[in-house]
Amino acid sequence: MNTEKTKIPLIVHFAVLMLSLIAFAVGFWHTHLGLKEMRPFESDYGSILIASIILLLLLISYFFAIAGKGVALLIYLICACFFIVFNLNFFYPSYLGRQLVKEEAIRLNDTLQRFSNRVKLIDKSNIADVSELHSLQEKIYDEIKRQSGFGPRATDYLNQFNAITGGNLKANIRIGVTQEEREEIAAAYNKLLEKEIENYVVKQMATGNTENANKLYQGVVALDTINKFYSPILKEIIADDNRVQLESVKTHPQINHLQRLITSLDDATIKINEASNKQIFPKLNEAKTRNLGRIAHTLNSIMERINHIDTWAMILLCLFIDLLVPLAIYILIRKKADDPGITIAVLRKHGRKL
């Protein structure tokens, strides 16, 4: 008994081929974009050449697999894996760039506050007194600029300053006639006050090693300055929702701020570590988002964020385009022993040419 096979309309044959070709075209273009940062052959077009090589091998192996060659399917799957990785290297940072910058800013803000709190346990000087000395220093500086030297208020501030440090700085009664002269007098006296503050802190910290005490002082002051300067900047970055373009990563002001913060923190904490003769603070080295759009960063970030829904959304998108669509077509139309399948011969049989 003969059973007639269901005939598939020619338009469906073409739709199937078009769908697979569109999926391959999307994979090809985003593979090019995912490779762009690497600049193969030191050319902006090198990534197109590499993507073309992968695409051609993928197309050849795919249609041989449909024609019934089993080994061709393995070659196609290897090529599809390349497409998936390079597509992820575009879709993931392009879509999640802003979120990744935000997350790093949050981590750095937490690190900055943790470092600042930890340094208070290291600092053996009276933090409140040092803060008060700096406040008096600013007030004295401002008063000298406004007056023609030391007025009653500046003298009172100086007396309070001496009471904390135990020093004996004298009021400079030199008169400045012009504003420029007054500013010169203020600047010169400000240096004396700064040196007196440093001497005070070193005396509080010193345990027989003045060099270490100086390093510790410099590190503590630097960390406090960094905290005051960068805390507002980090809050602005966290609140920002503007998209981060991959082309602007190297010059993006927010990413550059994150890197400068890390460099400043490392410079300050190295001094504290050396003064303390132990690794109190870890070295941060580099902002992760500086490498946004690079394959190593993308893969490492995916592993770190594997429990996030948006990470899985990008993975599934690339799997769908580069693997599931072509495989679904392959399963539906692959050539069997008694079936010619959808091949070029089938299409030509209907009087059409590819």
Protein backbone atom coordinates (compact mmCIF):
# COMPACT_ATOMS: atom_id res chain seq x y z
CA MET A 1 0.00 0.00 0.00
CA ASN A 2 1.48 3.30 -1.08
CA THR A 3 1.21 6.33 1.11
CA GLU A 4 1.64 9.71 -0.44
CA LYS A 5 3.90 12.06 1.44
CA THR A 6 2.67 15.50 2.35
CA LYS A 7 4.08 17.98 -0.12
CA ILE A 8 5.59 21.16 1.30
CA PRO A 9 4.68 24.29 -0.72
CA LEU A 10 7.55 26.00 -2.49
CA ILE A 11 6.94 29.22 -0.55
CA VAL A 12 7.62 27.33 2.67
CA HIS A 13 10.89 26.06 1.20
CA PHE A 14 11.93 29.63 0.51
CA ALA A 15 10.69 30.86 3.93
CA VAL A 16 12.80 28.21 5.65
CA LEU A 17 15.91 29.14 3.69
CA MET A 18 15.28 32.87 4.21
CA LEU A 19 14.83 32.39 7.96
CA SER A 20 18.12 30.52 8.27
CA LEU A 21 19.94 33.07 6.11
CA ILE A 22 18.54 35.97 8.17
CA ALA A 23 19.68 34.26 11.39
CA PHE A 24 23.15 33.77 9.87
CA ALA A 25 23.25 37.39 8.67
CA VAL A 26 22.37 38.68 12.16
CA GLY A 27 25.00 36.40 13.68
CA PHE A 28 27.59 37.53 11.12
CA TRP A 29 27.03 41.26 11.71
CA HIS A 30 27.11 41.05 15.48
CA THR A 31 30.14 38.78 15.34
CA HIS A 32 31.83 41.61 13.43
CA LEU A 33 30.73 44.10 16.11
CA GLY A 34 31.85 41.75 18.90
CA LEU A 35 35.29 41.42 17.29
CA LYS A 36 35.68 45.11 16.52
CA GLU A 37 37.47 45.94 19.78
CA MET A 38 40.20 43.41 18.90
CA ARG A 39 41.01 45.19 15.61
CA PRO A 40 42.20 42.04 13.78
CA PHE A 41 45.05 42.74 11.34
CA GLU A 42 45.29 46.21 12.94
CA SER A 43 42.38 47.31 10.78
CA ASP A 44 38.85 48.54 11.44
CA TYR A 45 37.68 46.09 8.77
CA GLY A 46 39.64 43.09 10.04
CA SER A 47 36.67 41.97 12.13
CA ILE A 48 34.50 41.79 8.99
CA LEU A 49 37.02 39.46 7.35
CA ILE A 50 37.16 37.15 10.39
CA ALA A 51 33.35 37.14 10.67
CA SER A 52 33.10 36.35 6.94
CA ILE A 53 35.41 33.35 7.28
CA ILE A 54 33.31 31.95 10.14
CA LEU A 55 30.07 32.67 8.22
CA LEU A 56 31.20 30.93 5.02
CA LEU A 57 32.34 27.82 6.88
CA LEU A 58 29.11 27.84 8.87
CA LEU A 59 26.95 28.12 5.73
CA ILE A 60 28.81 25.37 3.90
CA SER A 61 28.72 22.97 6.84
CA TYR A 62 25.08 23.79 7.60
CA PHE A 63 23.80 22.99 4.11
CA PHE A 64 25.97 19.87 3.90
CA ALA A 65 24.44 18.81 7.23
CA ILE A 66 20.95 19.33 5.80
CA ALA A 67 22.00 17.23 2.80
CA GLY A 68 22.75 14.35 5.18
CA LYS A 69 26.45 14.58 6.04
CA GLY A 70 26.71 13.96 9.80
CA VAL A 71 30.21 15.35 10.28
CA ALA A 72 29.10 18.65 8.74
CA LEU A 73 26.70 19.15 11.67
CA LEU A 74 29.64 18.99 14.11
CA ILE A 75 31.53 21.63 12.09
CA TYR A 76 28.40 23.80 12.05
CA LEU A 77 28.04 23.54 15.85
CA ILE A 78 31.67 24.63 16.34
CA CYS A 79 31.10 27.66 14.08
CA ALA A 80 27.85 28.43 15.91
CA CYS A 81 29.77 28.48 19.22
CA PHE A 82 32.09 31.16 17.79
CA PHE A 83 29.05 33.17 16.72
CA ILE A 84 27.47 32.84 20.18
CA VAL A 85 30.61 34.04 22.00
CA PHE A 86 31.25 37.01 19.70
CA ASN A 87 27.55 37.95 19.60
CA LEU A 88 27.50 37.92 23.40
CA ASN A 89 30.53 40.22 23.35
CA PHE A 90 28.37 42.79 21.58
CA PHE A 91 24.87 42.27 22.99
CA TYR A 92 25.91 41.88 26.65
CA PRO A 93 27.99 45.08 27.12
CA SER A 94 25.86 47.08 24.69
CA TYR A 95 22.61 46.34 26.52
CA LEU A 96 24.00 46.13 30.08
CA GLY A 97 26.79 48.73 29.87
CA ARG A 98 24.98 51.28 32.04
CA GLN A 99 24.04 48.64 34.61
CA LEU A 100 27.63 47.38 34.80
CA VAL A 101 28.96 50.94 35.33
CA LYS A 102 26.35 51.49 38.05
CA GLU A 103 27.21 48.24 39.81
CA GLU A 104 30.92 49.09 39.79
CA ALA A 105 30.19 52.58 41.15
CA ILE A 106 28.13 51.02 43.96
CA ARG A 107 30.93 48.57 44.79
CA LEU A 108 33.54 51.35 44.77
CA ASN A 109 31.36 53.55 46.96
CA ASP A 110 31.03 50.70 49.47
CA THR A 111 34.80 50.12 49.28
CA LEU A 112 35.53 53.81 49.79
CA GLN A 113 33.31 54.02 52.87
CA ARG A 114 34.72 50.76 54.25
CA PHE A 115 38.30 51.99 53.77
CA SER A 116 37.44 55.31 55.41
CA ASN A 117 35.89 53.57 58.42
CA ARG A 118 38.78 51.13 58.69
CA VAL A 119 41.41 53.88 58.62
CA LYS A 120 39.86 55.44 61.72
CA LEU A 121 40.87 52.33 63.61
CA ILE A 122 44.44 52.64 62.31
CA ASP A 123 44.87 56.36 62.90
CA LYS A 124 46.39 56.82 66.35
CA SER A 125 45.99 60.60 66.34
CA ASN A 126 42.90 62.37 67.55
CA ILE A 127 40.78 62.60 64.39
CA ALA A 128 38.50 65.26 65.86
CA ASP A 129 41.47 67.45 66.79
CA VAL A 130 43.02 67.12 63.33
CA SER A 131 39.71 68.04 61.72
CA GLU A 132 39.45 71.08 64.01
CA LEU A 133 43.00 72.14 63.14
CA HIS A 134 42.22 72.07 59.43
CA SER A 135 39.06 74.07 60.06
CA LEU A 136 41.01 76.72 62.02
CA GLN A 137 43.64 76.77 59.29
CA GLU A 138 40.99 77.66 56.68
CA LYS A 139 39.50 80.35 58.92
CA ILE A 140 42.91 81.95 59.56
CA TYR A 141 43.68 81.89 55.84
CA ASP A 142 40.37 83.58 54.98
CA GLU A 143 40.78 86.22 57.69
CA ILE A 144 44.30 87.19 56.55
CA LYS A 145 43.06 87.62 52.99
CA ARG A 146 40.29 89.93 54.13
CA GLN A 147 42.39 91.90 56.63
CA SER A 148 45.72 93.63 56.12
CA GLY A 149 47.39 90.94 58.20
CA PHE A 150 46.24 89.43 61.51
CA GLY A 151 43.10 91.00 62.94
CA PRO A 152 41.55 90.14 66.33
CA ARG A 153 39.51 87.27 64.91
CA ALA A 154 42.51 85.68 63.11
CA THR A 155 44.57 86.03 66.29
CA ASP A 156 41.84 84.29 68.29
CA TYR A 157 41.77 81.43 65.76
CA LEU A 158 45.56 81.13 66.01
CA ASN A 159 45.39 80.93 69.81
CA GLN A 160 42.87 78.07 69.51
CA PHE A 161 45.20 76.39 66.99
CA ASN A 162 48.18 76.66 69.37
CA ALA A 163 46.11 75.32 72.26
CA ILE A 164 45.50 72.06 70.36
CA THR A 165 48.99 71.58 68.94
CA GLY A 166 50.88 72.87 71.98
CA GLY A 167 52.82 75.06 69.55
CA ASN A 168 53.76 78.69 69.81
CA LEU A 169 53.08 80.17 66.39
CA LYS A 170 53.11 83.97 66.48
CA ALA A 171 50.74 86.26 64.62
CA ASN A 172 52.38 87.76 61.55
CA ILE A 173 51.56 91.45 61.73
CA ARG A 174 53.08 92.23 58.34
CA ILE A 175 50.69 94.48 56.42
CA GLY A 176 49.69 93.84 52.80
CA VAL A 177 48.57 96.93 50.96
CA THR A 178 47.13 95.29 47.83
CA GLN A 179 44.91 92.22 47.58
CA GLU A 180 47.74 90.34 45.85
CA GLU A 181 50.10 91.06 48.76
CA ARG A 182 47.47 89.94 51.27
CA GLU A 183 47.02 86.67 49.37
CA GLU A 184 50.81 86.12 49.35
CA ILE A 185 50.93 86.66 53.14
CA ALA A 186 47.98 84.29 53.61
CA ALA A 187 49.56 81.61 51.39
CA ALA A 188 52.91 81.83 53.19
CA TYR A 189 51.31 81.53 56.63
CA ASN A 190 49.06 78.73 55.40
CA LYS A 191 52.18 76.64 54.69
CA LEU A 192 53.36 77.19 58.28
CA LEU A 193 50.00 76.03 59.60
CA GLU A 194 50.03 72.94 57.34
CA LYS A 195 53.50 72.00 58.55
CA GLU A 196 52.43 72.48 62.16
CA ILE A 197 49.43 70.16 61.62
CA GLU A 198 51.69 67.52 60.07
CA ASN A 199 54.13 67.77 62.98
CA TYR A 200 51.27 67.40 65.45
CA VAL A 201 49.90 64.27 63.76
CA VAL A 202 53.35 62.72 63.36
CA LYS A 203 54.00 63.22 67.08
CA GLN A 204 50.74 61.46 67.89
CA MET A 205 51.48 58.57 65.53
CA ALA A 206 55.20 58.15 65.86
CA THR A 207 56.41 55.02 67.62
CA GLY A 208 60.12 55.48 67.03
CA ASN A 209 59.80 55.48 63.20
CA THR A 210 59.18 58.98 61.90
CA GLU A 211 59.24 57.86 58.25
CA ASN A 212 56.42 55.39 58.82
CA ALA A 213 54.47 57.99 60.79
CA ASN A 214 54.76 60.42 57.88
CA LYS A 215 53.55 57.77 55.41
CA LEU A 216 50.63 56.92 57.66
CA TYR A 217 49.71 60.57 58.01
CA GLN A 218 49.88 61.18 54.27
CA GLY A 219 47.79 58.07 53.56
CA VAL A 220 45.13 58.99 56.12
CA VAL A 221 44.83 62.58 54.85
CA ALA A 222 44.74 61.40 51.21
CA LEU A 223 42.00 58.86 51.96
CA ASP A 224 39.91 61.51 53.70
CA THR A 225 40.34 63.88 50.73
CA ILE A 226 39.41 61.12 48.26
CA ASN A 227 36.27 60.31 50.23
CA LYS A 228 35.09 63.92 50.26
CA PHE A 229 35.81 64.44 46.56
CA TYR A 230 34.55 61.20 45.03
CA SER A 231 31.49 60.39 47.16
CA PRO A 232 29.28 62.95 45.34
CA ILE A 233 30.64 61.83 41.95
CA LEU A 234 29.82 58.19 42.68
CA LYS A 235 26.28 59.13 43.70
CA GLU A 236 25.81 60.96 40.39
CA ILE A 237 27.06 57.93 38.42
CA ILE A 238 24.72 55.61 40.33
CA ALA A 239 21.74 57.90 39.65
CA ASP A 240 22.51 58.26 35.91
CA ASP A 241 20.41 56.20 33.46
CA ASN A 242 21.98 57.30 30.16
CA ARG A 243 23.15 54.53 27.85
CA VAL A 244 26.88 53.81 27.69
CA GLN A 245 28.01 53.57 24.06
CA LEU A 246 30.73 50.98 23.49
CA GLU A 247 32.56 53.35 21.14
CA SER A 248 32.96 55.86 23.98
CA VAL A 249 34.28 53.51 26.69
CA LYS A 250 37.90 54.69 26.42
CA THR A 251 36.91 58.35 26.78
CA HIS A 252 33.75 58.02 28.87
CA PRO A 253 34.05 60.57 31.75
CA GLN A 254 32.30 58.36 34.32
CA ILE A 255 34.48 55.32 33.60
CA ASN A 256 37.56 57.58 33.74
CA HIS A 257 36.36 58.87 37.13
CA LEU A 258 36.12 55.29 38.39
CA GLN A 259 39.65 54.56 37.21
CA ARG A 260 41.06 57.75 38.76
CA LEU A 261 39.32 56.89 42.04
CA ILE A 262 40.90 53.41 42.06
CA THR A 263 44.34 54.83 41.26
CA SER A 264 44.00 57.40 44.05
CA LEU A 265 42.82 54.78 46.53
CA ASP A 266 45.76 52.52 45.67
CA ASP A 267 48.22 55.39 46.09
CA ALA A 268 46.79 56.25 49.52
CA THR A 269 46.42 52.70 50.83
CA ILE A 270 49.92 51.68 49.71
CA LYS A 271 51.31 54.33 52.07
CA ILE A 272 49.17 53.05 54.93
CA ASN A 273 50.12 49.41 54.24
CA GLU A 274 53.82 50.27 54.13
CA ALA A 275 53.61 52.33 57.32
CA SER A 276 51.75 49.54 59.11
CA ASN A 277 54.04 46.79 57.74
CA LYS A 278 51.05 44.66 56.79
CA GLN A 279 48.45 44.34 54.03
CA ILE A 280 45.54 46.19 55.61
CA PHE A 281 44.01 47.31 52.31
CA PRO A 282 43.90 45.24 49.09
CA LYS A 283 45.13 46.75 45.84
CA LEU A 284 42.28 47.49 43.41
CA ASN A 285 44.43 48.03 40.28
CA GLU A 286 41.88 48.78 37.58
CA ALA A 287 38.23 49.65 36.97
CA LYS A 288 36.53 46.61 35.43
CA THR A 289 34.35 48.72 33.15
CA ARG A 290 37.47 50.12 31.46
CA ASN A 291 37.44 46.82 29.55
CA LEU A 292 33.75 47.00 28.62
CA GLY A 293 33.32 45.39 25.19
CA ARG A 294 36.34 43.09 25.45
CA ILE A 295 35.82 39.33 25.37
CA ALA A 296 37.66 38.63 28.64
CA HIS A 297 35.56 41.22 30.49
CA THR A 298 32.32 39.95 28.95
CA LEU A 299 32.93 36.30 29.87
CA ASN A 300 34.17 37.12 33.38
CA SER A 301 31.22 39.46 33.98
CA ILE A 302 28.75 36.83 32.76
CA MET A 303 30.23 34.30 35.22
CA GLU A 304 30.02 36.84 38.07
CA ARG A 305 26.42 37.79 37.17
CA ILE A 306 25.19 34.34 36.13
CA ASN A 307 22.36 34.54 38.69
CA HIS A 308 20.98 37.77 37.17
CA ILE A 309 17.93 37.62 34.89
CA ASP A 310 19.31 40.21 32.46
CA THR A 311 22.46 38.10 32.00
CA TRP A 312 20.37 35.09 31.06
CA ALA A 313 18.27 37.22 28.71
CA MET A 314 21.40 38.04 26.68
CA ILE A 315 22.61 34.42 26.72
CA LEU A 316 19.22 33.11 25.56
CA LEU A 317 18.98 35.77 22.84
CA CYS A 318 22.32 34.70 21.34
CA LEU A 319 21.49 31.00 21.70
CA PHE A 320 18.15 31.56 19.97
CA ILE A 321 19.58 33.47 17.00
CA ASP A 322 22.80 31.52 16.47
CA LEU A 323 21.83 28.00 17.53
CA LEU A 324 18.15 27.28 18.15
CA VAL A 325 16.71 28.78 14.94
CA PRO A 326 19.17 27.01 12.58
CA LEU A 327 18.93 23.75 14.56
CA ALA A 328 15.13 23.85 14.48
CA ILE A 329 15.24 24.28 10.72
CA TYR A 330 17.80 21.48 10.43
CA ILE A 331 15.60 19.10 12.44
CA LEU A 332 12.55 19.93 10.34
CA ILE A 333 14.11 19.66 6.88
CA ARG A 334 17.23 17.52 7.22
CA LYS A 335 17.64 14.94 4.49
CA LYS A 336 16.65 11.40 5.41
CA ALA A 337 17.47 8.20 3.57
CA ASP A 338 14.22 8.20 1.56
CA ASP A 339 13.68 11.97 1.46
CA PRO A 340 15.45 14.44 -0.85
CA GLY A 341 14.96 17.18 1.72
CA ILE A 342 15.11 20.89 0.88
CA THR A 343 18.13 21.18 -1.30
CA ILE A 344 19.10 23.31 -4.26
CA ALA A 345 17.99 20.43 -6.49
CA VAL A 346 14.51 20.57 -4.98
CA LEU A 347 14.24 24.28 -5.63
CA ARG A 348 15.51 23.97 -9.19
CA LYS A 349 13.01 21.21 -9.75
CA HIS A 350 10.36 23.84 -9.24
CA GLY A 351 11.97 25.99 -11.88
CA ARG A 352 13.66 28.46 -9.49
CA LYS A 353 17.30 29.46 -9.07
CA LEU A 354 19.02 30.60 -5.84
